[in-house]
PDB file of N, CA and C in Angstrom:
ATOM      1  N   MET A   1     -62.341 -20.061 -18.771  1.00  0.00           N
ATOM      2  CA  MET A   1     -61.858 -18.875 -18.340  1.00  0.00           C
ATOM      3  C   MET A   1     -60.717 -18.914 -17.566  1.00  0.00           C
ATOM      4  N   ALA A   2     -61.029 -19.708 -16.398  1.00  0.00           N
ATOM      5  CA  ALA A   2     -60.268 -20.064 -15.518  1.00  0.00           C
ATOM      6  C   ALA A   2     -58.978 -20.923 -15.944  1.00  0.00           C
ATOM      7  N   GLN A   3     -59.470 -21.656 -16.937  1.00  0.00           N
ATOM      8  CA  GLN A   3     -58.302 -22.812 -17.605  1.00  0.00           C
ATOM      9  C   GLN A   3     -57.463 -21.746 -18.467  1.00  0.00           C
ATOM     10  N   GLU A   4     -58.152 -20.625 -19.141  1.00  0.00           N
ATOM     11  CA  GLU A   4     -57.183 -19.935 -20.044  1.00  0.00           C
ATOM     12  C   GLU A   4     -56.396 -19.068 -19.124  1.00  0.00           C
ATOM     13  N   ARG A   5     -56.952 -18.667 -17.938  1.00  0.00           N
ATOM     14  CA  ARG A   5     -56.117 -18.232 -17.269  1.00  0.00           C
ATOM     15  C   ARG A   5     -54.674 -18.416 -16.508  1.00  0.00           C
ATOM     16  N   LYS A   6     -55.135 -20.164 -16.328  1.00  0.00           N
ATOM     17  CA  LYS A   6     -53.913 -20.725 -15.747  1.00  0.00           C
ATOM     18  C   LYS A   6     -53.274 -21.121 -16.728  1.00  0.00           C
ATOM     19  N   ALA A   7     -53.681 -21.413 -18.096  1.00  0.00           N
ATOM     20  CA  ALA A   7     -52.618 -21.631 -19.137  1.00  0.00           C
ATOM     21  C   ALA A   7     -51.889 -20.385 -19.546  1.00  0.00           C
ATOM     22  N   LYS A   8     -52.456 -19.247 -19.326  1.00  0.00           N
ATOM     23  CA  LYS A   8     -51.664 -17.948 -19.582  1.00  0.00           C
ATOM     24  C   LYS A   8     -50.577 -17.687 -18.375  1.00  0.00           C
ATOM     25  N   GLU A   9     -50.862 -18.193 -17.174  1.00  0.00           N
ATOM     26  CA  GLU A   9     -49.811 -17.946 -16.295  1.00  0.00           C
ATOM     27  C   GLU A   9     -48.958 -19.224 -16.377  1.00  0.00           C
ATOM     28  N   LEU A  10     -49.233 -20.589 -16.709  1.00  0.00           N
ATOM     29  CA  LEU A  10     -48.262 -21.221 -17.068  1.00  0.00           C
ATOM     30  C   LEU A  10     -47.166 -20.990 -18.279  1.00  0.00           C
ATOM     31  N   LEU A  11     -47.803 -20.422 -19.235  1.00  0.00           N
ATOM     32  CA  LEU A  11     -46.941 -19.909 -20.307  1.00  0.00           C
ATOM     33  C   LEU A  11     -46.175 -19.072 -20.149  1.00  0.00           C
ATOM     34  N   SER A  12     -47.249 -17.730 -19.431  1.00  0.00           N
ATOM     35  CA  SER A  12     -45.990 -16.975 -18.736  1.00  0.00           C
ATOM     36  C   SER A  12     -44.705 -17.321 -17.640  1.00  0.00           C
ATOM     37  N   GLU A  13     -44.970 -18.480 -16.818  1.00  0.00           N
ATOM     38  CA  GLU A  13     -44.326 -18.998 -15.975  1.00  0.00           C
ATOM     39  C   GLU A  13     -42.981 -19.473 -16.572  1.00  0.00           C
ATOM     40  N   ARG A  14     -43.533 -20.241 -17.596  1.00  0.00           N
ATOM     41  CA  ARG A  14     -42.369 -20.937 -18.607  1.00  0.00           C
ATOM     42  C   ARG A  14     -41.477 -19.865 -19.739  1.00  0.00           C
ATOM     43  N   GLN A  15     -42.141 -19.134 -20.134  1.00  0.00           N
ATOM     44  CA  GLN A  15     -41.690 -17.956 -20.416  1.00  0.00           C
ATOM     45  C   GLN A  15     -40.319 -17.248 -19.490  1.00  0.00           C
ATOM     46  N   ARG A  16     -40.597 -17.173 -18.415  1.00  0.00           N
ATOM     47  CA  ARG A  16     -40.047 -16.261 -17.399  1.00  0.00           C
ATOM     48  C   ARG A  16     -38.887 -17.247 -17.001  1.00  0.00           C
ATOM     49  N   HIS A  17     -39.176 -18.612 -16.799  1.00  0.00           N
ATOM     50  CA  HIS A  17     -38.110 -19.589 -16.677  1.00  0.00           C
ATOM     51  C   HIS A  17     -37.398 -19.592 -17.768  1.00  0.00           C
ATOM     52  N   LEU A  18     -37.661 -19.575 -19.112  1.00  0.00           N
ATOM     53  CA  LEU A  18     -36.922 -19.857 -20.459  1.00  0.00           C
ATOM     54  C   LEU A  18     -35.887 -18.424 -20.044  1.00  0.00           C
ATOM     55  N   ALA A  19     -36.323 -17.332 -20.039  1.00  0.00           N
ATOM     56  CA  ALA A  19     -35.799 -15.949 -19.712  1.00  0.00           C
ATOM     57  C   ALA A  19     -34.729 -16.070 -18.957  1.00  0.00           C
ATOM     58  N   GLU A  20     -35.169 -16.660 -17.724  1.00  0.00           N
ATOM     59  CA  GLU A  20     -33.864 -16.634 -16.451  1.00  0.00           C
ATOM     60  C   GLU A  20     -32.859 -17.622 -17.312  1.00  0.00           C
ATOM     61  N   LYS A  21     -32.977 -18.601 -17.774  1.00  0.00           N
ATOM     62  CA  LYS A  21     -32.293 -19.414 -18.168  1.00  0.00           C
ATOM     63  C   LYS A  21     -31.311 -18.751 -19.080  1.00  0.00           C
ATOM     64  N   ARG A  22     -31.951 -18.031 -19.939  1.00  0.00           N
ATOM     65  CA  ARG A  22     -31.461 -17.517 -21.248  1.00  0.00           C
ATOM     66  C   ARG A  22     -30.370 -16.534 -20.431  1.00  0.00           C
ATOM     67  N   LEU A  23     -30.705 -15.755 -19.583  1.00  0.00           N
ATOM     68  CA  LEU A  23     -30.190 -14.925 -18.757  1.00  0.00           C
ATOM     69  C   LEU A  23     -28.662 -15.354 -18.053  1.00  0.00           C
ATOM     70  N   CYS A  24     -29.018 -16.399 -17.619  1.00  0.00           N
ATOM     71  CA  CYS A  24     -27.884 -17.162 -16.975  1.00  0.00           C
ATOM     72  C   CYS A  24     -26.991 -17.620 -17.757  1.00  0.00           C
ATOM     73  N   SER A  25     -27.576 -18.009 -18.813  1.00  0.00           N
ATOM     74  CA  SER A  25     -26.490 -18.663 -20.205  1.00  0.00           C
ATOM     75  C   SER A  25     -25.852 -17.230 -20.429  1.00  0.00           C
ATOM     76  N   ALA A  26     -26.237 -16.309 -20.528  1.00  0.00           N
ATOM     77  CA  ALA A  26     -25.318 -15.382 -21.115  1.00  0.00           C
ATOM     78  C   ALA A  26     -24.759 -14.536 -20.395  1.00  0.00           C
ATOM     79  N   MET A  27     -25.155 -14.838 -18.878  1.00  0.00           N
ATOM     80  CA  MET A  27     -24.242 -14.114 -17.568  1.00  0.00           C
ATOM     81  C   MET A  27     -22.846 -15.011 -18.081  1.00  0.00           C
ATOM     82  N   GLN A  28     -23.114 -16.412 -18.117  1.00  0.00           N
ATOM     83  CA  GLN A  28     -21.842 -17.299 -17.839  1.00  0.00           C
ATOM     84  C   GLN A  28     -21.167 -17.242 -19.164  1.00  0.00           C
ATOM     85  N   GLY A  29     -21.847 -16.915 -19.998  1.00  0.00           N
ATOM     86  CA  GLY A  29     -21.002 -16.721 -21.421  1.00  0.00           C
ATOM     87  C   GLY A  29     -20.108 -15.648 -21.513  1.00  0.00           C
ATOM     88  N   LEU A  30     -20.969 -14.335 -20.894  1.00  0.00           N
ATOM     89  CA  LEU A  30     -19.812 -13.138 -20.862  1.00  0.00           C
ATOM     90  C   LEU A  30     -18.698 -13.544 -19.459  1.00  0.00           C
ATOM     91  N   ASP A  31     -18.995 -14.212 -18.421  1.00  0.00           N
ATOM     92  CA  ASP A  31     -17.755 -14.421 -17.515  1.00  0.00           C
ATOM     93  C   ASP A  31     -16.920 -15.253 -18.341  1.00  0.00           C
ATOM     94  N   GLU A  32     -17.053 -16.220 -19.344  1.00  0.00           N
ATOM     95  CA  GLU A  32     -16.249 -17.033 -19.956  1.00  0.00           C
ATOM     96  C   GLU A  32     -15.465 -16.080 -20.687  1.00  0.00           C
ATOM     97  N   SER A  33     -16.099 -15.036 -21.348  1.00  0.00           N
ATOM     98  CA  SER A  33     -15.677 -14.037 -22.494  1.00  0.00           C
ATOM     99  C   SER A  33     -14.257 -13.420 -21.676  1.00  0.00           C
ATOM    100  N   SER A  34     -14.978 -12.717 -20.501  1.00  0.00           N
ATOM    101  CA  SER A  34     -14.284 -11.964 -19.672  1.00  0.00           C
ATOM    102  C   SER A  34     -12.811 -12.741 -19.478  1.00  0.00           C
ATOM    103  N   SER A  35     -13.076 -13.979 -18.743  1.00  0.00           N
ATOM    104  CA  SER A  35     -11.818 -14.522 -18.346  1.00  0.00           C
ATOM    105  C   SER A  35     -10.794 -14.979 -19.802  1.00  0.00           C
ATOM    106  N   ARG A  36     -11.638 -15.390 -20.688  1.00  0.00           N
ATOM    107  CA  ARG A  36     -10.638 -15.370 -22.011  1.00  0.00           C
ATOM    108  C   ARG A  36      -9.770 -14.200 -21.955  1.00  0.00           C
ATOM    109  N   GLU A  37     -10.537 -13.057 -22.330  1.00  0.00           N
ATOM    110  CA  GLU A  37     -10.210 -11.843 -22.533  1.00  0.00           C
ATOM    111  C   GLU A  37      -8.948 -11.206 -21.588  1.00  0.00           C
ATOM    112  N   ALA A  38      -9.384 -11.475 -20.068  1.00  0.00           N
ATOM    113  CA  ALA A  38      -8.123 -11.527 -19.416  1.00  0.00           C
ATOM    114  C   ALA A  38      -6.801 -12.166 -19.766  1.00  0.00           C
ATOM    115  N   GLU A  39      -7.058 -13.665 -20.075  1.00  0.00           N
ATOM    116  CA  GLU A  39      -5.830 -14.456 -20.592  1.00  0.00           C
ATOM    117  C   GLU A  39      -5.270 -14.060 -21.568  1.00  0.00           C
ATOM    118  N   LEU A  40      -5.890 -13.593 -22.745  1.00  0.00           N
ATOM    119  CA  LEU A  40      -5.235 -13.100 -23.807  1.00  0.00           C
ATOM    120  C   LEU A  40      -4.576 -11.807 -23.758  1.00  0.00           C
ATOM    121  N   GLN A  41      -5.082 -11.063 -22.787  1.00  0.00           N
ATOM    122  CA  GLN A  41      -4.345  -9.794 -22.269  1.00  0.00           C
ATOM    123  C   GLN A  41      -2.915  -9.963 -21.893  1.00  0.00           C
ATOM    124  N   GLN A  42      -3.436 -11.006 -20.902  1.00  0.00           N
ATOM    125  CA  GLN A  42      -1.949 -11.164 -20.156  1.00  0.00           C
ATOM    126  C   GLN A  42      -1.059 -12.354 -21.139  1.00  0.00           C
ATOM    127  N   LEU A  43      -1.434 -12.770 -21.809  1.00  0.00           N
ATOM    128  CA  LEU A  43      -0.494 -13.526 -22.987  1.00  0.00           C
ATOM    129  C   LEU A  43      -0.042 -12.076 -23.833  1.00  0.00           C
ATOM    130  N   LEU A  44      -0.623 -11.143 -24.129  1.00  0.00           N
ATOM    131  CA  LEU A  44      -0.076 -10.169 -25.027  1.00  0.00           C
ATOM    132  C   LEU A  44       0.716  -9.486 -24.253  1.00  0.00           C
ATOM    133  N   GLU A  45       0.605  -8.986 -23.058  1.00  0.00           N
ATOM    134  CA  GLU A  45       1.381  -8.602 -22.372  1.00  0.00           C
ATOM    135  C   GLU A  45       2.706  -9.144 -22.204  1.00  0.00           C
ATOM    136  N   ASP A  46       2.770 -10.496 -21.729  1.00  0.00           N
ATOM    137  CA  ASP A  46       3.817 -11.341 -21.569  1.00  0.00           C
ATOM    138  C   ASP A  46       4.517 -11.081 -22.943  1.00  0.00           C
ATOM    139  N   THR A  47       3.993 -11.337 -23.765  1.00  0.00           N
ATOM    140  CA  THR A  47       4.429 -11.511 -25.505  1.00  0.00           C
ATOM    141  C   THR A  47       5.300 -10.158 -25.685  1.00  0.00           C
ATOM    142  N   LEU A  48       4.795  -8.939 -25.456  1.00  0.00           N
ATOM    143  CA  LEU A  48       5.225  -7.645 -25.516  1.00  0.00           C
ATOM    144  C   LEU A  48       6.534  -7.163 -24.547  1.00  0.00           C
ATOM    145  N   ASP A  49       6.231  -7.770 -23.083  1.00  0.00           N
ATOM    146  CA  ASP A  49       7.768  -7.783 -22.521  1.00  0.00           C
ATOM    147  C   ASP A  49       8.652  -8.630 -22.988  1.00  0.00           C
ATOM    148  N   GLN A  50       8.180  -9.796 -23.452  1.00  0.00           N
ATOM    149  CA  GLN A  50       9.142 -10.807 -24.073  1.00  0.00           C
ATOM    150  C   GLN A  50       9.970  -9.889 -25.047  1.00  0.00           C
ATOM    151  N   SER A  51       8.987  -9.402 -26.020  1.00  0.00           N
ATOM    152  CA  SER A  51       9.842  -8.727 -27.333  1.00  0.00           C
ATOM    153  C   SER A  51      10.623  -7.554 -27.044  1.00  0.00           C
ATOM    154  N   CYS A  52      10.280  -6.771 -25.762  1.00  0.00           N
ATOM    155  CA  CYS A  52      10.993  -5.630 -25.414  1.00  0.00           C
ATOM    156  C   CYS A  52      12.249  -6.116 -24.816  1.00  0.00           C
ATOM    157  N   LYS A  53      11.858  -7.034 -23.871  1.00  0.00           N
ATOM    158  CA  LYS A  53      13.423  -7.849 -23.549  1.00  0.00           C
ATOM    159  C   LYS A  53      14.559  -8.150 -24.741  1.00  0.00           C
ATOM    160  N   GLU A  54      13.921  -8.885 -25.428  1.00  0.00           N
ATOM    161  CA  GLU A  54      15.075  -9.273 -26.628  1.00  0.00           C
ATOM    162  C   GLU A  54      15.466  -8.244 -27.383  1.00  0.00           C
ATOM    163  N   ALA A  55      14.572  -7.213 -27.535  1.00  0.00           N
ATOM    164  CA  ALA A  55      14.987  -5.830 -28.370  1.00  0.00           C
ATOM    165  C   ALA A  55      16.267  -5.482 -27.799  1.00  0.00           C
ATOM    166  N   ARG A  56      15.923  -4.994 -26.313  1.00  0.00           N
ATOM    167  CA  ARG A  56      16.890  -4.600 -25.557  1.00  0.00           C
ATOM    168  C   ARG A  56      18.350  -5.326 -25.308  1.00  0.00           C
ATOM    169  N   GLN A  57      18.144  -6.523 -25.169  1.00  0.00           N
ATOM    170  CA  GLN A  57      19.300  -7.510 -25.323  1.00  0.00           C
ATOM    171  C   GLN A  57      20.069  -7.508 -26.559  1.00  0.00           C
ATOM    172  N   GLU A  58      19.303  -7.248 -27.692  1.00  0.00           N
ATOM    173  CA  GLU A  58      19.956  -7.160 -29.006  1.00  0.00           C
ATOM    174  C   GLU A  58      20.684  -5.867 -29.261  1.00  0.00           C
ATOM    175  N   ARG A  59      20.074  -4.825 -28.510  1.00  0.00           N
ATOM    176  CA  ARG A  59      20.497  -3.380 -28.545  1.00  0.00           C
ATOM    177  C   ARG A  59      22.033  -3.402 -27.782  1.00  0.00           C
ATOM    178  N   VAL A  60      21.812  -3.920 -26.447  1.00  0.00           N
ATOM    179  CA  VAL A  60      23.138  -4.212 -25.733  1.00  0.00           C
ATOM    180  C   VAL A  60      24.265  -5.137 -26.390  1.00  0.00           C
ATOM    181  N   ALA A  61      23.646  -6.291 -27.055  1.00  0.00           N
ATOM    182  CA  ALA A  61      25.002  -6.888 -27.972  1.00  0.00           C
ATOM    183  C   ALA A  61      25.570  -6.133 -28.769  1.00  0.00           C
ATOM    184  N   ARG A  62      24.833  -5.324 -29.720  1.00  0.00           N
ATOM    185  CA  ARG A  62      25.383  -4.287 -30.757  1.00  0.00           C
ATOM    186  C   ARG A  62      26.329  -3.329 -30.178  1.00  0.00           C
ATOM    187  N   PHE A  63      25.856  -2.875 -28.843  1.00  0.00           N
ATOM    188  CA  PHE A  63      26.708  -1.874 -28.583  1.00  0.00           C
ATOM    189  C   PHE A  63      27.996  -2.449 -27.935  1.00  0.00           C
ATOM    190  N   HIS A  64      28.015  -3.879 -27.597  1.00  0.00           N
ATOM    191  CA  HIS A  64      29.297  -4.285 -27.183  1.00  0.00           C
ATOM    192  C   HIS A  64      30.049  -4.863 -28.318  1.00  0.00           C
ATOM    193  N   ARG A  65      29.257  -5.003 -29.451  1.00  0.00           N
ATOM    194  CA  ARG A  65      30.238  -5.378 -30.334  1.00  0.00           C
ATOM    195  C   ARG A  65      31.084  -4.153 -30.925  1.00  0.00           C
ATOM    196  N   SER A  66      30.416  -2.895 -30.917  1.00  0.00           N
ATOM    197  CA  SER A  66      30.651  -1.545 -31.392  1.00  0.00           C
ATOM    198  C   SER A  66      31.832  -1.424 -30.365  1.00  0.00           C
ATOM    199  N   LEU A  67      31.548  -1.741 -28.925  1.00  0.00           N
ATOM    200  CA  LEU A  67      33.120  -1.270 -28.138  1.00  0.00           C
ATOM    201  C   LEU A  67      34.127  -2.532 -28.587  1.00  0.00           C
ATOM    202  N   GLU A  68      33.762  -3.343 -28.843  1.00  0.00           N
ATOM    203  CA  GLU A  68      34.996  -4.390 -29.264  1.00  0.00           C
ATOM    204  C   GLU A  68      35.679  -3.866 -30.576  1.00  0.00           C
ATOM    205  N   PHE A  69      34.792  -3.520 -31.314  1.00  0.00           N
ATOM    206  CA  PHE A  69      35.364  -2.828 -32.865  1.00  0.00           C
ATOM    207  C   PHE A  69      36.236  -1.715 -32.698  1.00  0.00           C
ATOM    208  N   LYS A  70      35.555  -0.650 -31.516  1.00  0.00           N
ATOM    209  CA  LYS A  70      36.086   0.361 -31.301  1.00  0.00           C
ATOM    210  C   LYS A  70      37.462   0.081 -30.795  1.00  0.00           C
ATOM    211  N   ASP A  71      37.864  -0.686 -29.571  1.00  0.00           N
ATOM    212  CA  ASP A  71      39.004  -1.428 -29.108  1.00  0.00           C
ATOM    213  C   ASP A  71      39.898  -1.717 -30.244  1.00  0.00           C
ATOM    214  N   LEU A  72      39.474  -2.775 -30.886  1.00  0.00           N
ATOM    215  CA  LEU A  72      40.133  -3.037 -32.284  1.00  0.00           C
ATOM    216  C   LEU A  72      40.918  -2.198 -32.883  1.00  0.00           C
ATOM    217  N   ILE A  73      39.982  -1.262 -33.261  1.00  0.00           N
ATOM    218  CA  ILE A  73      40.553   0.109 -34.269  1.00  0.00           C
ATOM    219  C   ILE A  73      41.570   0.761 -33.296  1.00  0.00           C
ATOM    220  N   LYS A  74      41.323   1.092 -31.926  1.00  0.00           N
ATOM    221  CA  LYS A  74      42.067   1.706 -30.976  1.00  0.00           C
ATOM    222  C   LYS A  74      43.509   1.199 -30.939  1.00  0.00           C
ATOM    223  N   GLU A  75      43.402  -0.063 -30.644  1.00  0.00           N
ATOM    224  CA  GLU A  75      44.722  -1.251 -30.490  1.00  0.00           C
ATOM    225  C   GLU A  75      45.629  -0.878 -32.019  1.00  0.00           C
ATOM    226  N   ALA A  76      44.734  -1.087 -33.417  1.00  0.00           N
ATOM    227  CA  ALA A  76      45.637  -0.953 -34.409  1.00  0.00           C
ATOM    228  C   ALA A  76      45.970   0.302 -34.549  1.00  0.00           C
ATOM    229  N   LEU A  77      45.518   1.565 -34.268  1.00  0.00           N
ATOM    230  CA  LEU A  77      45.663   3.081 -34.307  1.00  0.00           C
ATOM    231  C   LEU A  77      47.107   2.966 -33.358  1.00  0.00           C
ATOM    232  N   GLU A  78      46.976   2.446 -32.027  1.00  0.00           N
ATOM    233  CA  GLU A  78      48.321   2.718 -31.140  1.00  0.00           C
ATOM    234  C   GLU A  78      49.510   1.859 -31.683  1.00  0.00           C
ATOM    235  N   SER A  79      49.079   0.682 -32.507  1.00  0.00           N
ATOM    236  CA  SER A  79      50.257   0.015 -33.031  1.00  0.00           C
ATOM    237  C   SER A  79      51.022   0.401 -34.241  1.00  0.00           C
ATOM    238  N   SER A  80      50.091   1.186 -35.094  1.00  0.00           N
ATOM    239  CA  SER A  80      50.759   2.362 -36.398  1.00  0.00           C
ATOM    240  C   SER A  80      51.573   3.499 -35.841  1.00  0.00           C
ATOM    241  N   VAL A  81      50.846   4.170 -34.818  1.00  0.00           N
ATOM    242  CA  VAL A  81      51.785   5.123 -34.090  1.00  0.00           C
ATOM    243  C   VAL A  81      53.183   4.407 -33.660  1.00  0.00           C
ATOM    244  N   ASN A  82      52.803   3.371 -33.013  1.00  0.00           N
ATOM    245  CA  ASN A  82      54.220   3.162 -32.448  1.00  0.00           C
ATOM    246  C   ASN A  82      55.298   2.648 -33.512  1.00  0.00           C
ATOM    247  N   VAL A  83      54.888   2.152 -34.965  1.00  0.00           N
ATOM    248  CA  VAL A  83      55.505   1.559 -35.999  1.00  0.00           C
ATOM    249  C   VAL A  83      56.082   2.979 -36.622  1.00  0.00           C
ATOM    250  N   LEU A  84      55.014   3.996 -36.735  1.00  0.00           N
ATOM    251  CA  LEU A  84      55.675   5.441 -37.319  1.00  0.00           C
ATOM    252  C   LEU A  84      56.881   5.953 -36.585  1.00  0.00           C
ATOM    253  N   SER A  85      56.287   5.808 -35.084  1.00  0.00           N
ATOM    254  CA  SER A  85      57.421   6.646 -34.272  1.00  0.00           C
ATOM    255  C   SER A  85      58.561   6.146 -34.532  1.00  0.00           C
ATOM    256  N   SER A  86      58.711   4.578 -34.684  1.00  0.00           N
ATOM    257  CA  SER A  86      59.810   3.873 -34.826  1.00  0.00           C
ATOM    258  C   SER A  86      60.847   4.289 -35.799  1.00  0.00           C
ATOM    259  N   ALA A  87      59.928   4.043 -36.974  1.00  0.00           N
ATOM    260  CA  ALA A  87      60.351   4.828 -38.366  1.00  0.00           C
ATOM    261  C   ALA A  87      61.000   6.176 -38.360  1.00  0.00           C
ATOM    262  N   LEU A  88      60.342   7.222 -37.967  1.00  0.00           N
ATOM    263  CA  LEU A  88      60.645   8.283 -37.993  1.00  0.00           C
ATOM    264  C   LEU A  88      62.075   8.724 -37.068  1.00  0.00           C
ATOM    265  N   LEU A  89      62.280   7.915 -36.048  1.00  0.00           N
ATOM    266  CA  LEU A  89      63.458   8.090 -35.312  1.00  0.00           C
ATOM    267  C   LEU A  89      64.426   7.317 -35.746  1.00  0.00           C
ATOM    268  N   ASP A  90      64.282   5.800 -36.406  1.00  0.00           N
ATOM    269  CA  ASP A  90      65.274   5.053 -37.121  1.00  0.00           C
ATOM    270  C   ASP A  90      65.806   6.027 -38.611  1.00  0.00           C
ATOM    271  N   ARG A  91      64.892   6.920 -38.962  1.00  0.00           N
ATOM    272  CA  ARG A  91      65.593   7.636 -40.082  1.00  0.00           C
ATOM    273  C   ARG A  91      65.871   9.112 -39.782  1.00  0.00           C
ATOM    274  N   TRP A  92      66.139   9.222 -38.364  1.00  0.00           N
ATOM    275  CA  TRP A  92      66.422  10.284 -38.060  1.00  0.00           C
ATOM    276  C   TRP A  92      65.823  11.563 -38.486  1.00  0.00           C
ATOM    277  N   LEU A  93      64.685  11.245 -38.721  1.00  0.00           N
ATOM    278  CA  LEU A  93      63.495  12.754 -39.025  1.00  0.00           C
ATOM    279  C   LEU A  93      63.116  13.544 -37.905  1.00  0.00           C
ATOM    280  N   ILE A  94      63.046  12.961 -36.836  1.00  0.00           N
ATOM    281  CA  ILE A  94      62.680  13.562 -35.705  1.00  0.00           C
ATOM    282  C   ILE A  94      63.249  12.861 -34.499  1.00  0.00           C
ATOM    283  N   SER A  95      63.815  14.027 -33.299  1.00  0.00           N
ATOM    284  CA  SER A  95      64.805  13.474 -32.389  1.00  0.00           C
ATOM    285  C   SER A  95      63.510  12.893 -31.250  1.00  0.00           C
ATOM    286  N   ARG A  96      64.039  12.171 -30.323  1.00  0.00           N
ATOM    287  CA  ARG A  96      63.357  11.547 -29.386  1.00  0.00           C
ATOM    288  C   ARG A  96      62.486  12.451 -28.850  1.00  0.00           C
ATOM    289  N   GLU A  97      63.128  13.581 -28.137  1.00  0.00           N
ATOM    290  CA  GLU A  97      62.733  14.720 -27.321  1.00  0.00           C
ATOM    291  C   GLU A  97      61.261  15.118 -27.929  1.00  0.00           C
ATOM    292  N   ASP A  98      61.629  15.558 -29.506  1.00  0.00           N
ATOM    293  CA  ASP A  98      60.250  16.113 -30.029  1.00  0.00           C
ATOM    294  C   ASP A  98      59.259  15.155 -30.011  1.00  0.00           C
ATOM    295  N   LEU A  99      59.475  13.738 -30.481  1.00  0.00           N
ATOM    296  CA  LEU A  99      58.569  12.736 -30.346  1.00  0.00           C
ATOM    297  C   LEU A  99      57.752  12.471 -29.205  1.00  0.00           C
ATOM    298  N   GLU A 100      58.427  12.661 -27.841  1.00  0.00           N
ATOM    299  CA  GLU A 100      57.930  12.727 -27.068  1.00  0.00           C
ATOM    300  C   GLU A 100      57.122  13.606 -26.293  1.00  0.00           C
ATOM    301  N   GLY A 101      57.295  14.867 -26.995  1.00  0.00           N
ATOM    302  CA  GLY A 101      56.396  16.073 -26.874  1.00  0.00           C
ATOM    303  C   GLY A 101      55.158  16.127 -27.776  1.00  0.00           C
ATOM    304  N   LEU A 102      55.051  15.202 -28.930  1.00  0.00           N
ATOM    305  CA  LEU A 102      54.125  15.300 -29.979  1.00  0.00           C
ATOM    306  C   LEU A 102      53.043  13.772 -29.412  1.00  0.00           C
ATOM    307  N   ASN A 103      51.832  14.553 -29.269  1.00  0.00           N
ATOM    308  CA  ASN A 103      50.633  13.688 -29.525  1.00  0.00           C
ATOM    309  C   ASN A 103      50.537  13.345 -30.719  1.00  0.00           C
ATOM    310  N   MET A 104      50.897  11.866 -31.268  1.00  0.00           N
ATOM    311  CA  MET A 104      50.604  11.430 -32.543  1.00  0.00           C
ATOM    312  C   MET A 104      49.380  10.864 -32.591  1.00  0.00           C
ATOM    313  N   ASN A 105      48.866  10.451 -31.613  1.00  0.00           N
ATOM    314  CA  ASN A 105      47.184  10.202 -31.938  1.00  0.00           C
ATOM    315  C   ASN A 105      46.464  11.225 -32.312  1.00  0.00           C
ATOM    316  N   GLU A 106      46.764  12.588 -31.691  1.00  0.00           N
ATOM    317  CA  GLU A 106      46.048  13.806 -32.023  1.00  0.00           C
ATOM    318  C   GLU A 106      46.411  14.136 -33.439  1.00  0.00           C
ATOM    319  N   CYS A 107      47.625  14.088 -33.541  1.00  0.00           N
ATOM    320  CA  CYS A 107      47.986  14.625 -35.191  1.00  0.00           C
ATOM    321  C   CYS A 107      47.330  13.584 -36.308  1.00  0.00           C
ATOM    322  N   ILE A 108      47.297  12.206 -35.524  1.00  0.00           N
ATOM    323  CA  ILE A 108      46.513  11.576 -36.977  1.00  0.00           C
ATOM    324  C   ILE A 108      45.056  11.638 -36.834  1.00  0.00           C
ATOM    325  N   LEU A 109      44.275  11.804 -35.700  1.00  0.00           N
ATOM    326  CA  LEU A 109      43.022  12.088 -35.820  1.00  0.00           C
ATOM    327  C   LEU A 109      42.758  13.402 -36.332  1.00  0.00           C
ATOM    328  N   SER A 110      43.420  14.758 -35.911  1.00  0.00           N
ATOM    329  CA  SER A 110      43.280  15.951 -36.681  1.00  0.00           C
ATOM    330  C   SER A 110      43.417  15.670 -38.009  1.00  0.00           C
ATOM    331  N   GLU A 111      44.320  15.316 -38.545  1.00  0.00           N
ATOM    332  CA  GLU A 111      44.521  14.870 -40.093  1.00  0.00           C
ATOM    333  C   GLU A 111      43.359  14.443 -40.993  1.00  0.00           C
ATOM    334  N   SER A 112      43.021  13.274 -40.120  1.00  0.00           N
ATOM    335  CA  SER A 112      42.138  12.298 -40.617  1.00  0.00           C
ATOM    336  C   SER A 112      40.404  13.120 -40.856  1.00  0.00           C
ATOM    337  N   ARG A 113      40.267  13.829 -39.837  1.00  0.00           N
ATOM    338  CA  ARG A 113      39.264  14.912 -39.836  1.00  0.00           C
ATOM    339  C   ARG A 113      38.894  15.911 -40.911  1.00  0.00           C
ATOM    340  N   SER A 114      40.003  16.197 -41.444  1.00  0.00           N
ATOM    341  CA  SER A 114      40.101  17.119 -42.607  1.00  0.00           C
ATOM    342  C   SER A 114      39.864  16.358 -43.733  1.00  0.00           C
ATOM    343  N   TYR A 115      39.858  15.398 -43.966  1.00  0.00           N
ATOM    344  CA  TYR A 115      39.364  14.521 -45.220  1.00  0.00           C
ATOM    345  C   TYR A 115      38.122  14.484 -45.442  1.00  0.00           C
TER     346      TYR A 115
END
């Protein structure tokens, strides 16, 4: 009887020790998993930050190209207005005084809006 009790205590002790080892192993796995999760979260945040930064840079670049295009169009319009003004003056279709009081850009733009 004492031997059975001793065997049961020994078995119980082994089971307790095995349960403690499993618990420690599970806790260690949980810590490693939490650490990997934190690393992945940081990697995801860094990737999203980089992606947002690249998207913002692309939008800024498109905006700059749009401004350059608008400047090019403005220069072409001003050049066309100058050529038109010279042609009107050369053909005596308008006097210099009338031309100076006329906003050619506004005339052209108002006509182009009507189309």
